[in-house]
C-alpha atoms as a PDB file:
ATOM      1  CA  MET A   1     -94.628  85.420 240.415  1.00  0.00           C
ATOM      2  CA  PRO A   2     -92.950  82.661 242.452  1.00  0.00           C
ATOM      3  CA  THR A   3     -93.067  83.216 246.189  1.00  0.00           C
ATOM      4  CA  LEU A   4     -89.291  82.866 246.505  1.00  0.00           C
ATOM      5  CA  LEU A   5     -88.812  85.893 244.261  1.00  0.00           C
ATOM      6  CA  GLN A   6     -91.470  87.791 246.194  1.00  0.00           C
ATOM      7  CA  ARG A   7     -89.721  87.134 249.515  1.00  0.00           C
ATOM      8  CA  SER A   8     -86.144  87.749 248.376  1.00  0.00           C
ATOM      9  CA  PRO A   9     -86.237  91.584 248.691  1.00  0.00           C
ATOM     10  CA  ILE A  10     -87.654  91.264 252.192  1.00  0.00           C
ATOM     11  CA  VAL A  11     -84.946  88.822 253.252  1.00  0.00           C
ATOM     12  CA  THR A  12     -82.211  90.881 251.593  1.00  0.00           C
ATOM     13  CA  GLY A  13     -83.534  94.048 253.212  1.00  0.00           C
ATOM     14  CA  ALA A  14     -83.657  92.403 256.631  1.00  0.00           C
ATOM     15  CA  ILE A  15     -80.082  91.148 256.293  1.00  0.00           C
ATOM     16  CA  SER A  16     -78.949  94.586 255.109  1.00  0.00           C
ATOM     17  CA  GLY A  17     -80.731  96.157 258.067  1.00  0.00           C
ATOM     18  CA  ILE A  18     -78.947  93.832 260.483  1.00  0.00           C
ATOM     19  CA  VAL A  19     -75.608  94.691 258.866  1.00  0.00           C
ATOM     20  CA  ALA A  20     -76.418  98.416 259.083  1.00  0.00           C
ATOM     21  CA  VAL A  21     -77.329  98.263 262.773  1.00  0.00           C
ATOM     22  CA  THR A  22     -74.246  96.191 263.574  1.00  0.00           C
ATOM     23  CA  ASN A  23     -71.974  98.592 261.705  1.00  0.00           C
ATOM     24  CA  TYR A  24     -73.645 101.616 263.293  1.00  0.00           C
ATOM     25  CA  LEU A  25     -73.117 100.251 266.796  1.00  0.00           C
ATOM     26  CA  ASN A  26     -69.515  99.328 265.986  1.00  0.00           C
ATOM     27  CA  VAL A  27     -68.754 102.801 264.630  1.00  0.00           C
ATOM     28  CA  GLN A  28     -70.430 104.464 267.611  1.00  0.00           C
ATOM     29  CA  GLN A  29     -68.304 102.379 269.988  1.00  0.00           C
ATOM     30  CA  ARG A  30     -65.132 103.313 268.117  1.00  0.00           C
ATOM     31  CA  ILE A  31     -66.093 106.976 268.211  1.00  0.00           C
ATOM     32  CA  GLU A  32     -66.578 106.799 271.976  1.00  0.00           C
ATOM     33  CA  ASP A  33     -63.232 105.036 272.387  1.00  0.00           C
ATOM     34  CA  VAL A  34     -61.458 107.745 270.372  1.00  0.00           C
ATOM     35  CA  ARG A  35     -63.210 110.559 272.237  1.00  0.00           C
ATOM     36  CA  GLN A  36     -61.998 109.108 275.528  1.00  0.00           C
ATOM     37  CA  GLU A  37     -58.428 109.505 274.253  1.00  0.00           C
ATOM     38  CA  SER A  38     -58.774 113.175 273.399  1.00  0.00           C
ATOM     39  CA  GLU A  39     -61.459 115.851 273.520  1.00  0.00           C
ATOM     40  CA  LEU A  40     -60.013 117.447 270.365  1.00  0.00           C
ATOM     41  CA  ILE A  41     -61.194 114.628 268.102  1.00  0.00           C
ATOM     42  CA  ALA A  42     -64.477 115.059 266.248  1.00  0.00           C
ATOM     43  CA  ALA A  43     -66.046 112.037 264.576  1.00  0.00           C
ATOM     44  CA  SER A  44     -69.481 110.913 263.442  1.00  0.00           C
ATOM     45  CA  VAL A  45     -71.228 108.157 261.548  1.00  0.00           C
ATOM     46  CA  GLY A  46     -70.692 108.482 257.797  1.00  0.00           C
ATOM     47  CA  ALA A  47     -73.194 108.635 254.983  1.00  0.00           C
ATOM     48  CA  GLY A  48     -72.501 105.039 253.926  1.00  0.00           C
ATOM     49  CA  ILE A  49     -74.204 103.561 256.963  1.00  0.00           C
ATOM     50  CA  TRP A  50     -77.221 105.817 256.544  1.00  0.00           C
ATOM     51  CA  THR A  51     -77.399 104.850 252.855  1.00  0.00           C
ATOM     52  CA  LEU A  52     -77.381 101.192 253.885  1.00  0.00           C
ATOM     53  CA  VAL A  53     -80.261 101.822 256.322  1.00  0.00           C
ATOM     54  CA  VAL A  54     -82.334 103.617 253.663  1.00  0.00           C
ATOM     55  CA  GLY A  55     -81.634 100.853 251.139  1.00  0.00           C
ATOM     56  CA  ALA A  56     -82.683  98.174 253.615  1.00  0.00           C
ATOM     57  CA  VAL A  57     -85.948  99.967 254.385  1.00  0.00           C
ATOM     58  CA  LEU A  58     -86.707 100.492 250.694  1.00  0.00           C
ATOM     59  CA  ALA A  59     -85.983  96.826 249.908  1.00  0.00           C
ATOM     60  CA  ILE A  60     -88.358  95.655 252.641  1.00  0.00           C
ATOM     61  CA  VAL A  61     -91.092  98.082 251.572  1.00  0.00           C
ATOM     62  CA  GLY A  62     -90.657  97.059 247.930  1.00  0.00           C
ATOM     63  CA  GLY A  63     -90.844  93.371 248.844  1.00  0.00           C
ATOM     64  CA  VAL A  64     -94.024  93.907 250.825  1.00  0.00           C
ATOM     65  CA  LEU A  65     -95.589  95.876 247.976  1.00  0.00           C
ATOM     66  CA  VAL A  66     -94.718  93.147 245.464  1.00  0.00           C
ATOM     67  CA  ARG A  67     -96.438  90.573 247.665  1.00  0.00           C
ATOM     68  CA  LYS A  68     -99.564  92.765 247.739  1.00  0.00           C
ATOM     69  CA  LEU A  69     -99.853  92.920 243.928  1.00  0.00           C
ATOM     70  CA  PRO A  70    -102.977  91.248 242.560  1.00  0.00           C
ATOM     71  CA  LYS A  71    -102.330  87.835 241.058  1.00  0.00           C
ATOM     72  CA  PRO A  72    -103.186  87.498 237.343  1.00  0.00           C
END
């Protein structure tokens, strides 16, 4: 298998992980800003960000496992 195809899940997973962390921090900051306005507001990070984190981790793990496959 060409090395570019072996590395692409790792790169995609790393980029997705960076996007997930950036979005998580942005949402956390917005939640804090809203909570400063009123104590009656309840907010939390949604499932979409956690799904993105899990997908990024699985893509990286899958890419590493593909690189470890024995060559024919």
